[in-house]
Amino acid sequence: MAARMVSGVRRSEHITPVLEDLHWLPVSQRVVFKTALMIWKCVHDVAPDYLGDLCVPATAISSRQHLRSAATGTLLVPHAWTATGQRSFAINGPATWNRLPPLQHYGHQTCRKTPLSGH
């Protein structure tokens, strides 16, 4: 609906080309992107501490330090006892991070603490 209002496309026209032109993601992909971005912030100590505490690297456990998964930057995913628990950030966040290609884990991004100028 918002893309139609921004672009002026009628309801009978296809919305996919408009979303591509606006560089907008479908909702399911946007959720994955935002979750991965928040985990990236946790891993790089830019997120609040209460979120960073939920992201435990595999290297934090001494028995897992020599595993191949520890070298790829994976995070520990706690066990969920309920379906609702599987959707929580503590479980879904590390699982989303672990599904990314290993190259994404070590990407060097510049973190901006001030908003970008619009002009």
N, C-alpha and C. Protein backbone atom coordinates (compact mmCIF):
# COMPACT_ATOMS: atom_id res chain seq x y z
N MET A 1 0.82 -1.19 0.00
CA MET A 1 0.00 0.00 0.00
C MET A 1 0.87 1.25 0.00
N ALA A 2 1.91 1.28 0.84
CA ALA A 2 2.76 2.46 0.90
C ALA A 2 3.50 2.67 -0.41
N ALA A 3 3.94 1.58 -1.05
CA ALA A 3 4.65 1.72 -2.32
C ALA A 3 3.72 2.27 -3.39
N ARG A 4 2.47 1.90 -3.35
CA ARG A 4 1.50 2.43 -4.32
C ARG A 4 1.28 3.92 -4.09
N MET A 5 1.24 4.32 -2.83
CA MET A 5 1.04 5.74 -2.54
C MET A 5 2.25 6.57 -2.95
N VAL A 6 3.44 6.05 -2.69
CA VAL A 6 4.67 6.78 -3.03
C VAL A 6 4.84 6.90 -4.53
N SER A 7 4.56 5.81 -5.25
CA SER A 7 4.82 5.80 -6.69
C SER A 7 3.62 6.23 -7.53
N GLY A 8 2.43 6.22 -6.96
CA GLY A 8 1.24 6.60 -7.72
C GLY A 8 0.72 5.50 -8.62
N VAL A 9 1.12 4.25 -8.37
CA VAL A 9 0.68 3.12 -9.18
C VAL A 9 -0.73 2.73 -8.77
N ARG A 10 -1.55 2.44 -9.78
CA ARG A 10 -2.93 2.03 -9.49
C ARG A 10 -2.98 0.63 -8.91
N ARG A 11 -4.08 0.31 -8.30
CA ARG A 11 -4.26 -0.98 -7.64
C ARG A 11 -4.23 -2.15 -8.63
N SER A 12 -4.62 -1.92 -9.86
CA SER A 12 -4.68 -2.98 -10.86
C SER A 12 -3.31 -3.28 -11.49
N GLU A 13 -2.31 -2.44 -11.25
CA GLU A 13 -0.98 -2.63 -11.84
C GLU A 13 -0.11 -3.49 -10.91
N HIS A 14 0.88 -4.15 -11.51
CA HIS A 14 1.79 -4.99 -10.74
C HIS A 14 2.68 -4.13 -9.84
N ILE A 15 2.92 -4.63 -8.63
CA ILE A 15 3.69 -3.88 -7.65
C ILE A 15 5.18 -4.28 -7.64
N THR A 16 5.51 -5.47 -8.14
CA THR A 16 6.90 -5.94 -8.09
C THR A 16 7.88 -5.00 -8.77
N PRO A 17 7.60 -4.50 -9.99
CA PRO A 17 8.55 -3.56 -10.60
C PRO A 17 8.72 -2.28 -9.79
N VAL A 18 7.66 -1.85 -9.13
CA VAL A 18 7.73 -0.64 -8.31
C VAL A 18 8.64 -0.89 -7.11
N LEU A 19 8.49 -2.05 -6.46
CA LEU A 19 9.33 -2.39 -5.32
C LEU A 19 10.80 -2.46 -5.73
N GLU A 20 11.05 -3.00 -6.93
CA GLU A 20 12.43 -3.07 -7.42
C GLU A 20 12.98 -1.68 -7.69
N ASP A 21 12.17 -0.80 -8.27
CA ASP A 21 12.62 0.56 -8.54
C ASP A 21 12.91 1.33 -7.26
N LEU A 22 12.11 1.08 -6.22
CA LEU A 22 12.29 1.76 -4.94
C LEU A 22 13.37 1.09 -4.08
N HIS A 23 13.86 -0.06 -4.54
CA HIS A 23 14.83 -0.85 -3.78
C HIS A 23 14.25 -1.29 -2.44
N TRP A 24 12.97 -1.63 -2.43
CA TRP A 24 12.31 -2.13 -1.23
C TRP A 24 12.28 -3.64 -1.29
N LEU A 25 12.43 -4.26 -0.12
CA LEU A 25 12.37 -5.72 -0.02
C LEU A 25 10.96 -6.15 0.35
N PRO A 26 10.57 -7.36 -0.06
CA PRO A 26 9.34 -7.93 0.46
C PRO A 26 9.44 -8.09 1.98
N VAL A 27 8.33 -8.17 2.65
CA VAL A 27 8.30 -8.17 4.12
C VAL A 27 9.15 -9.29 4.71
N SER A 28 9.03 -10.50 4.20
CA SER A 28 9.79 -11.62 4.77
C SER A 28 11.29 -11.40 4.63
N GLN A 29 11.74 -10.86 3.50
CA GLN A 29 13.16 -10.60 3.31
C GLN A 29 13.62 -9.42 4.16
N ARG A 30 12.75 -8.45 4.37
CA ARG A 30 13.11 -7.30 5.21
C ARG A 30 13.29 -7.74 6.66
N VAL A 31 12.47 -8.66 7.12
CA VAL A 31 12.60 -9.17 8.49
C VAL A 31 13.95 -9.87 8.66
N VAL A 32 14.34 -10.68 7.68
CA VAL A 32 15.63 -11.36 7.74
C VAL A 32 16.76 -10.33 7.71
N PHE A 33 16.65 -9.33 6.85
CA PHE A 33 17.68 -8.30 6.76
C PHE A 33 17.83 -7.55 8.08
N LYS A 34 16.73 -7.11 8.66
CA LYS A 34 16.79 -6.34 9.91
C LYS A 34 17.33 -7.20 11.06
N THR A 35 16.96 -8.48 11.09
CA THR A 35 17.47 -9.39 12.12
C THR A 35 18.98 -9.57 11.96
N ALA A 36 19.43 -9.80 10.73
CA ALA A 36 20.86 -9.98 10.48
C ALA A 36 21.63 -8.70 10.80
N LEU A 37 21.04 -7.55 10.50
CA LEU A 37 21.70 -6.28 10.80
C LEU A 37 21.84 -6.09 12.31
N MET A 38 20.82 -6.44 13.06
CA MET A 38 20.89 -6.30 14.52
C MET A 38 21.92 -7.26 15.10
N ILE A 39 22.01 -8.47 14.57
CA ILE A 39 23.02 -9.42 15.03
C ILE A 39 24.42 -8.90 14.68
N TRP A 40 24.58 -8.32 13.50
CA TRP A 40 25.88 -7.74 13.12
C TRP A 40 26.28 -6.67 14.13
N LYS A 41 25.31 -5.86 14.53
CA LYS A 41 25.59 -4.82 15.53
C LYS A 41 25.97 -5.45 16.87
N CYS A 42 25.32 -6.55 17.23
CA CYS A 42 25.65 -7.24 18.48
C CYS A 42 27.07 -7.80 18.43
N VAL A 43 27.42 -8.42 17.32
CA VAL A 43 28.74 -9.03 17.18
C VAL A 43 29.85 -7.97 17.22
N HIS A 44 29.56 -6.80 16.68
CA HIS A 44 30.56 -5.73 16.63
C HIS A 44 30.40 -4.71 17.76
N ASP A 45 29.69 -5.08 18.81
CA ASP A 45 29.52 -4.26 20.02
C ASP A 45 28.96 -2.86 19.74
N VAL A 46 28.02 -2.78 18.83
CA VAL A 46 27.36 -1.52 18.55
C VAL A 46 25.93 -1.53 19.10
N ALA A 47 25.40 -2.71 19.35
CA ALA A 47 24.03 -2.86 19.87
C ALA A 47 24.04 -2.72 21.39
N PRO A 48 22.87 -2.50 21.97
CA PRO A 48 22.78 -2.45 23.43
C PRO A 48 23.24 -3.77 24.07
N ASP A 49 23.74 -3.67 25.29
CA ASP A 49 24.28 -4.84 25.98
C ASP A 49 23.26 -5.95 26.17
N TYR A 50 22.00 -5.60 26.42
CA TYR A 50 21.00 -6.64 26.65
C TYR A 50 20.78 -7.48 25.40
N LEU A 51 21.02 -6.93 24.21
CA LEU A 51 20.94 -7.72 22.99
C LEU A 51 22.26 -8.45 22.73
N GLY A 52 23.36 -7.78 23.00
CA GLY A 52 24.67 -8.40 22.80
C GLY A 52 24.87 -9.63 23.66
N ASP A 53 24.25 -9.66 24.83
CA ASP A 53 24.36 -10.82 25.71
C ASP A 53 23.67 -12.05 25.13
N LEU A 54 22.76 -11.85 24.17
CA LEU A 54 22.06 -12.98 23.56
C LEU A 54 22.85 -13.61 22.43
N CYS A 55 23.91 -12.96 21.99
CA CYS A 55 24.71 -13.43 20.86
C CYS A 55 26.02 -14.01 21.39
N VAL A 56 26.04 -15.30 21.60
CA VAL A 56 27.20 -15.97 22.17
C VAL A 56 27.96 -16.67 21.03
N PRO A 57 29.21 -16.25 20.76
CA PRO A 57 29.98 -16.93 19.70
C PRO A 57 30.33 -18.36 20.08
N ALA A 58 30.49 -19.20 19.06
CA ALA A 58 30.85 -20.60 19.31
C ALA A 58 32.19 -20.71 20.01
N THR A 59 33.05 -19.72 19.84
CA THR A 59 34.38 -19.76 20.48
C THR A 59 34.30 -19.49 21.98
N ALA A 60 33.16 -19.04 22.48
CA ALA A 60 33.02 -18.75 23.91
C ALA A 60 32.99 -20.02 24.76
N ILE A 61 32.64 -21.13 24.16
CA ILE A 61 32.59 -22.42 24.86
C ILE A 61 33.92 -23.12 24.61
N SER A 62 34.66 -23.46 25.66
CA SER A 62 36.01 -24.01 25.50
C SER A 62 36.01 -25.32 24.71
N SER A 63 34.98 -26.13 24.85
CA SER A 63 34.95 -27.41 24.13
C SER A 63 34.66 -27.23 22.64
N ARG A 64 34.23 -26.05 22.24
CA ARG A 64 33.90 -25.81 20.82
C ARG A 64 34.93 -24.93 20.11
N GLN A 65 35.97 -24.52 20.80
CA GLN A 65 36.93 -23.60 20.21
C GLN A 65 37.69 -24.21 19.04
N HIS A 66 37.86 -25.51 19.01
CA HIS A 66 38.65 -26.16 17.96
C HIS A 66 37.78 -26.71 16.84
N LEU A 67 36.49 -26.48 16.89
CA LEU A 67 35.60 -26.94 15.84
C LEU A 67 35.68 -26.00 14.63
N ARG A 68 35.37 -26.54 13.47
CA ARG A 68 35.37 -25.73 12.25
C ARG A 68 34.33 -24.61 12.33
N SER A 69 33.22 -24.85 13.00
CA SER A 69 32.19 -23.83 13.11
C SER A 69 32.66 -22.62 13.91
N ALA A 70 33.60 -22.83 14.82
CA ALA A 70 34.12 -21.72 15.61
C ALA A 70 34.93 -20.77 14.73
N ALA A 71 35.60 -21.32 13.72
CA ALA A 71 36.42 -20.50 12.83
C ALA A 71 35.57 -19.70 11.85
N THR A 72 34.33 -20.09 11.63
CA THR A 72 33.49 -19.39 10.66
C THR A 72 32.70 -18.25 11.28
N GLY A 73 32.78 -18.07 12.59
CA GLY A 73 32.07 -16.98 13.23
C GLY A 73 30.62 -17.27 13.57
N THR A 74 30.28 -18.53 13.71
CA THR A 74 28.90 -18.88 14.03
C THR A 74 28.58 -18.55 15.49
N LEU A 75 27.30 -18.43 15.75
CA LEU A 75 26.81 -18.14 17.10
C LEU A 75 26.08 -19.35 17.63
N LEU A 76 26.05 -19.48 18.94
CA LEU A 76 25.31 -20.57 19.57
C LEU A 76 23.82 -20.28 19.51
N VAL A 77 23.05 -21.28 19.13
CA VAL A 77 21.60 -21.14 19.05
C VAL A 77 21.01 -21.96 20.19
N PRO A 78 20.41 -21.30 21.19
CA PRO A 78 19.82 -22.06 22.30
C PRO A 78 18.61 -22.87 21.85
N HIS A 79 18.27 -23.88 22.62
CA HIS A 79 17.12 -24.72 22.30
C HIS A 79 15.83 -23.99 22.65
N ALA A 80 14.86 -24.08 21.76
CA ALA A 80 13.54 -23.48 22.01
C ALA A 80 12.57 -24.59 22.40
N TRP A 81 11.84 -24.35 23.46
CA TRP A 81 10.89 -25.35 23.94
C TRP A 81 9.52 -25.18 23.33
N THR A 82 9.23 -24.03 22.78
CA THR A 82 7.91 -23.77 22.19
C THR A 82 8.07 -23.14 20.82
N ALA A 83 7.00 -23.13 20.05
CA ALA A 83 7.02 -22.49 18.73
C ALA A 83 7.19 -20.99 18.88
N THR A 84 6.63 -20.42 19.93
CA THR A 84 6.79 -18.99 20.18
C THR A 84 8.24 -18.68 20.51
N GLY A 85 8.89 -19.55 21.24
CA GLY A 85 10.28 -19.36 21.59
C GLY A 85 11.20 -19.37 20.38
N GLN A 86 10.83 -20.13 19.35
CA GLN A 86 11.63 -20.18 18.13
C GLN A 86 11.62 -18.84 17.40
N ARG A 87 10.61 -18.05 17.61
CA ARG A 87 10.52 -16.75 16.95
C ARG A 87 11.18 -15.64 17.75
N SER A 88 11.67 -15.94 18.95
CA SER A 88 12.29 -14.91 19.76
C SER A 88 13.64 -14.51 19.18
N PHE A 89 14.08 -13.31 19.50
CA PHE A 89 15.35 -12.80 18.98
C PHE A 89 16.52 -13.64 19.47
N ALA A 90 16.43 -14.16 20.70
CA ALA A 90 17.52 -14.95 21.27
C ALA A 90 17.79 -16.21 20.46
N ILE A 91 16.80 -16.75 19.79
CA ILE A 91 16.96 -17.98 19.02
C ILE A 91 16.98 -17.69 17.53
N ASN A 92 16.05 -16.88 17.06
CA ASN A 92 15.96 -16.59 15.64
C ASN A 92 17.14 -15.75 15.15
N GLY A 93 17.64 -14.85 15.98
CA GLY A 93 18.77 -14.00 15.59
C GLY A 93 20.03 -14.80 15.28
N PRO A 94 20.54 -15.59 16.24
CA PRO A 94 21.73 -16.40 15.93
C PRO A 94 21.50 -17.41 14.80
N ALA A 95 20.28 -17.97 14.70
CA ALA A 95 20.00 -18.91 13.61
C ALA A 95 20.06 -18.20 12.26
N THR A 96 19.53 -16.99 12.19
CA THR A 96 19.60 -16.20 10.95
C THR A 96 21.04 -15.89 10.61
N TRP A 97 21.83 -15.50 11.60
CA TRP A 97 23.25 -15.18 11.39
C TRP A 97 24.01 -16.40 10.87
N ASN A 98 23.72 -17.56 11.42
CA ASN A 98 24.43 -18.77 11.02
C ASN A 98 24.06 -19.21 9.61
N ARG A 99 22.90 -18.81 9.11
CA ARG A 99 22.49 -19.15 7.75
C ARG A 99 23.16 -18.27 6.70
N LEU A 100 23.75 -17.15 7.11
CA LEU A 100 24.43 -16.27 6.17
C LEU A 100 25.72 -16.92 5.69
N PRO A 101 26.18 -16.58 4.48
CA PRO A 101 27.49 -17.08 4.05
C PRO A 101 28.57 -16.55 4.98
N PRO A 102 29.61 -17.33 5.25
CA PRO A 102 30.65 -16.90 6.19
C PRO A 102 31.29 -15.56 5.83
N LEU A 103 31.33 -15.20 4.57
CA LEU A 103 31.90 -13.94 4.17
C LEU A 103 31.19 -12.76 4.82
N GLN A 104 29.88 -12.88 5.03
CA GLN A 104 29.09 -11.80 5.61
C GLN A 104 29.46 -11.57 7.07
N HIS A 105 29.95 -12.58 7.75
CA HIS A 105 30.25 -12.45 9.17
C HIS A 105 31.40 -11.49 9.42
N TYR A 106 32.34 -11.44 8.51
CA TYR A 106 33.54 -10.66 8.73
C TYR A 106 33.58 -9.38 7.93
N GLY A 107 32.48 -9.02 7.29
CA GLY A 107 32.46 -7.80 6.49
C GLY A 107 32.73 -6.58 7.35
N HIS A 108 33.61 -5.73 6.90
CA HIS A 108 33.95 -4.51 7.64
C HIS A 108 33.04 -3.40 7.17
N GLN A 109 32.18 -2.96 8.01
CA GLN A 109 31.25 -1.88 7.72
C GLN A 109 31.61 -0.71 8.61
N THR A 110 31.39 0.47 8.12
CA THR A 110 31.59 1.63 8.97
C THR A 110 30.29 1.88 9.72
N CYS A 111 30.39 2.03 11.00
CA CYS A 111 29.22 2.26 11.83
C CYS A 111 29.05 3.75 12.04
N ARG A 112 27.92 4.27 11.68
CA ARG A 112 27.65 5.68 11.84
C ARG A 112 26.72 5.87 13.03
N LYS A 113 27.12 6.72 13.94
CA LYS A 113 26.30 6.99 15.10
C LYS A 113 25.44 8.22 14.90
N THR A 114 25.70 8.96 13.83
CA THR A 114 24.91 10.13 13.51
C THR A 114 24.16 9.89 12.22
N PRO A 115 22.97 10.45 12.07
CA PRO A 115 22.23 10.24 10.83
C PRO A 115 22.95 10.87 9.64
N LEU A 116 22.77 10.24 8.49
CA LEU A 116 23.36 10.78 7.28
C LEU A 116 22.63 12.04 6.86
N SER A 117 23.36 12.94 6.28
CA SER A 117 22.77 14.19 5.80
C SER A 117 21.96 13.91 4.54
N GLY A 118 20.84 14.55 4.42
CA GLY A 118 19.97 14.36 3.25
C GLY A 118 20.36 15.22 2.08
N HIS A 119 21.37 16.07 2.22
CA HIS A 119 21.77 16.93 1.10
C HIS A 119 23.23 16.99 0.92
